[in-house]
Amino acid sequence: MLDRLHVKGTFKVNGAPLKSGRISFLPTAGTSGPATGTVIENGPFELPLAQGPVQGKHRIEIVAVRLTGKKNVKVPAVKIRMPS
């Protein structure tokens, strides 16, 4: 049985809730367990205990799509710290 965590929060960009995206928790070296993730809709996201990340260190990836009228826009990486 995996020791998973219930994770929830709100993701904002420049102070405004992210309209649509995805958050992924990817275990890094020393953390055993599956990757997991969920959708972000108008800011909030939540992973219940049964689907949450395992305890340990993770790389967290946020993917968002925003229509700008331009072909490609790069969004800078963001570091997120989670309590261990």
C-alpha atoms as a PDB file:
ATOM      1  CA  MET A   1       0.000   0.000   0.000  1.00  0.00           C
ATOM      2  CA  LEU A   2       1.346   3.416  -0.985  1.00  0.00           C
ATOM      3  CA  ASP A   3       1.559   6.268   1.520  1.00  0.00           C
ATOM      4  CA  ARG A   4      -0.279   8.913  -0.537  1.00  0.00           C
ATOM      5  CA  LEU A   5      -1.129  12.530   0.286  1.00  0.00           C
ATOM      6  CA  HIS A   6      -4.296  14.562  -0.233  1.00  0.00           C
ATOM      7  CA  VAL A   7      -3.226  17.654  -2.193  1.00  0.00           C
ATOM      8  CA  LYS A   8      -5.291  20.710  -3.082  1.00  0.00           C
ATOM      9  CA  GLY A   9      -4.573  24.303  -3.909  1.00  0.00           C
ATOM     10  CA  THR A  10      -5.142  27.187  -6.264  1.00  0.00           C
ATOM     11  CA  PHE A  11      -2.789  28.029  -9.118  1.00  0.00           C
ATOM     12  CA  LYS A  12      -2.546  31.665 -10.171  1.00  0.00           C
ATOM     13  CA  VAL A  13      -0.643  33.430 -12.934  1.00  0.00           C
ATOM     14  CA  ASN A  14       0.101  37.113 -12.317  1.00  0.00           C
ATOM     15  CA  GLY A  15      -2.453  37.084  -9.484  1.00  0.00           C
ATOM     16  CA  ALA A  16      -5.298  35.671 -11.589  1.00  0.00           C
ATOM     17  CA  PRO A  17      -6.583  32.070 -11.344  1.00  0.00           C
ATOM     18  CA  LEU A  18      -5.333  29.815 -14.148  1.00  0.00           C
ATOM     19  CA  LYS A  19      -8.322  29.293 -16.440  1.00  0.00           C
ATOM     20  CA  SER A  20      -7.382  25.848 -17.737  1.00  0.00           C
ATOM     21  CA  GLY A  21      -4.416  23.562 -17.238  1.00  0.00           C
ATOM     22  CA  ARG A  22      -2.967  20.431 -15.699  1.00  0.00           C
ATOM     23  CA  ILE A  23      -0.702  19.815 -12.700  1.00  0.00           C
ATOM     24  CA  SER A  24       1.509  16.711 -12.552  1.00  0.00           C
ATOM     25  CA  PHE A  25       3.533  15.339  -9.636  1.00  0.00           C
ATOM     26  CA  LEU A  26       6.537  13.339 -10.890  1.00  0.00           C
ATOM     27  CA  PRO A  27       8.586  11.471  -8.246  1.00  0.00           C
ATOM     28  CA  THR A  28      12.303  12.318  -8.285  1.00  0.00           C
ATOM     29  CA  ALA A  29      15.260  10.116  -7.322  1.00  0.00           C
ATOM     30  CA  GLY A  30      14.739   8.590  -3.893  1.00  0.00           C
ATOM     31  CA  THR A  31      10.927   8.697  -4.076  1.00  0.00           C
ATOM     32  CA  SER A  32       9.231   5.470  -5.113  1.00  0.00           C
ATOM     33  CA  GLY A  33       5.731   5.614  -6.498  1.00  0.00           C
ATOM     34  CA  PRO A  34       3.686   6.493  -9.556  1.00  0.00           C
ATOM     35  CA  ALA A  35       3.351   9.915 -11.143  1.00  0.00           C
ATOM     36  CA  THR A  36      -0.055  11.506 -10.748  1.00  0.00           C
ATOM     37  CA  GLY A  37      -1.892  14.652 -11.774  1.00  0.00           C
ATOM     38  CA  THR A  38      -5.184  16.387 -12.291  1.00  0.00           C
ATOM     39  CA  VAL A  39      -6.811  19.255 -14.157  1.00  0.00           C
ATOM     40  CA  ILE A  40      -6.813  22.881 -13.047  1.00  0.00           C
ATOM     41  CA  GLU A  41     -10.055  24.725 -13.767  1.00  0.00           C
ATOM     42  CA  ASN A  42     -10.341  28.433 -12.928  1.00  0.00           C
ATOM     43  CA  GLY A  43      -7.499  28.096 -10.382  1.00  0.00           C
ATOM     44  CA  PRO A  44      -8.352  25.250  -7.983  1.00  0.00           C
ATOM     45  CA  PHE A  45      -7.060  21.703  -8.240  1.00  0.00           C
ATOM     46  CA  GLU A  46      -7.400  18.713  -5.936  1.00  0.00           C
ATOM     47  CA  LEU A  47      -6.058  15.175  -5.733  1.00  0.00           C
ATOM     48  CA  PRO A  48      -7.880  13.055  -3.136  1.00  0.00           C
ATOM     49  CA  LEU A  49      -5.892  10.704  -0.932  1.00  0.00           C
ATOM     50  CA  ALA A  50      -6.535   7.677  -3.181  1.00  0.00           C
ATOM     51  CA  GLN A  51      -5.033   9.442  -6.248  1.00  0.00           C
ATOM     52  CA  GLY A  52      -2.602  11.840  -4.538  1.00  0.00           C
ATOM     53  CA  PRO A  53       1.192  11.779  -4.816  1.00  0.00           C
ATOM     54  CA  VAL A  54       3.240   9.526  -2.555  1.00  0.00           C
ATOM     55  CA  GLN A  55       5.216  11.175   0.244  1.00  0.00           C
ATOM     56  CA  GLY A  56       8.638  12.380  -0.867  1.00  0.00           C
ATOM     57  CA  LYS A  57      10.233  14.741  -3.358  1.00  0.00           C
ATOM     58  CA  HIS A  58       8.570  15.453  -6.710  1.00  0.00           C
ATOM     59  CA  ARG A  59       9.069  17.554  -9.794  1.00  0.00           C
ATOM     60  CA  ILE A  60       5.844  19.456 -10.310  1.00  0.00           C
ATOM     61  CA  GLU A  61       4.832  20.375 -13.839  1.00  0.00           C
ATOM     62  CA  ILE A  62       2.106  22.836 -14.767  1.00  0.00           C
ATOM     63  CA  VAL A  63       0.811  22.854 -18.333  1.00  0.00           C
ATOM     64  CA  ALA A  64      -1.505  25.650 -19.398  1.00  0.00           C
ATOM     65  CA  VAL A  65      -2.941  26.831 -22.682  1.00  0.00           C
ATOM     66  CA  ARG A  66      -3.789  30.473 -23.183  1.00  0.00           C
ATOM     67  CA  LEU A  67      -4.959  31.857 -26.495  1.00  0.00           C
ATOM     68  CA  THR A  68      -2.871  34.929 -27.317  1.00  0.00           C
ATOM     69  CA  GLY A  69      -3.080  35.173 -31.082  1.00  0.00           C
ATOM     70  CA  LYS A  70       0.625  34.248 -31.268  1.00  0.00           C
ATOM     71  CA  LYS A  71       1.977  30.894 -32.382  1.00  0.00           C
ATOM     72  CA  ASN A  72       4.092  29.905 -29.351  1.00  0.00           C
ATOM     73  CA  VAL A  73       4.521  31.581 -26.001  1.00  0.00           C
ATOM     74  CA  LYS A  74       6.951  30.179 -23.441  1.00  0.00           C
ATOM     75  CA  VAL A  75       5.968  30.423 -19.788  1.00  0.00           C
ATOM     76  CA  PRO A  76       8.834  30.563 -17.278  1.00  0.00           C
ATOM     77  CA  ALA A  77       9.305  27.614 -14.925  1.00  0.00           C
ATOM     78  CA  VAL A  78       7.936  27.955 -11.412  1.00  0.00           C
ATOM     79  CA  LYS A  79       9.343  26.275  -8.295  1.00  0.00           C
ATOM     80  CA  ILE A  80       6.801  24.954  -5.813  1.00  0.00           C
ATOM     81  CA  ARG A  81       7.694  23.655  -2.347  1.00  0.00           C
ATOM     82  CA  MET A  82       5.536  21.080  -0.616  1.00  0.00           C
ATOM     83  CA  PRO A  83       5.911  20.158   3.045  1.00  0.00           C
ATOM     84  CA  SER A  84       7.542  16.762   3.498  1.00  0.00           C
END
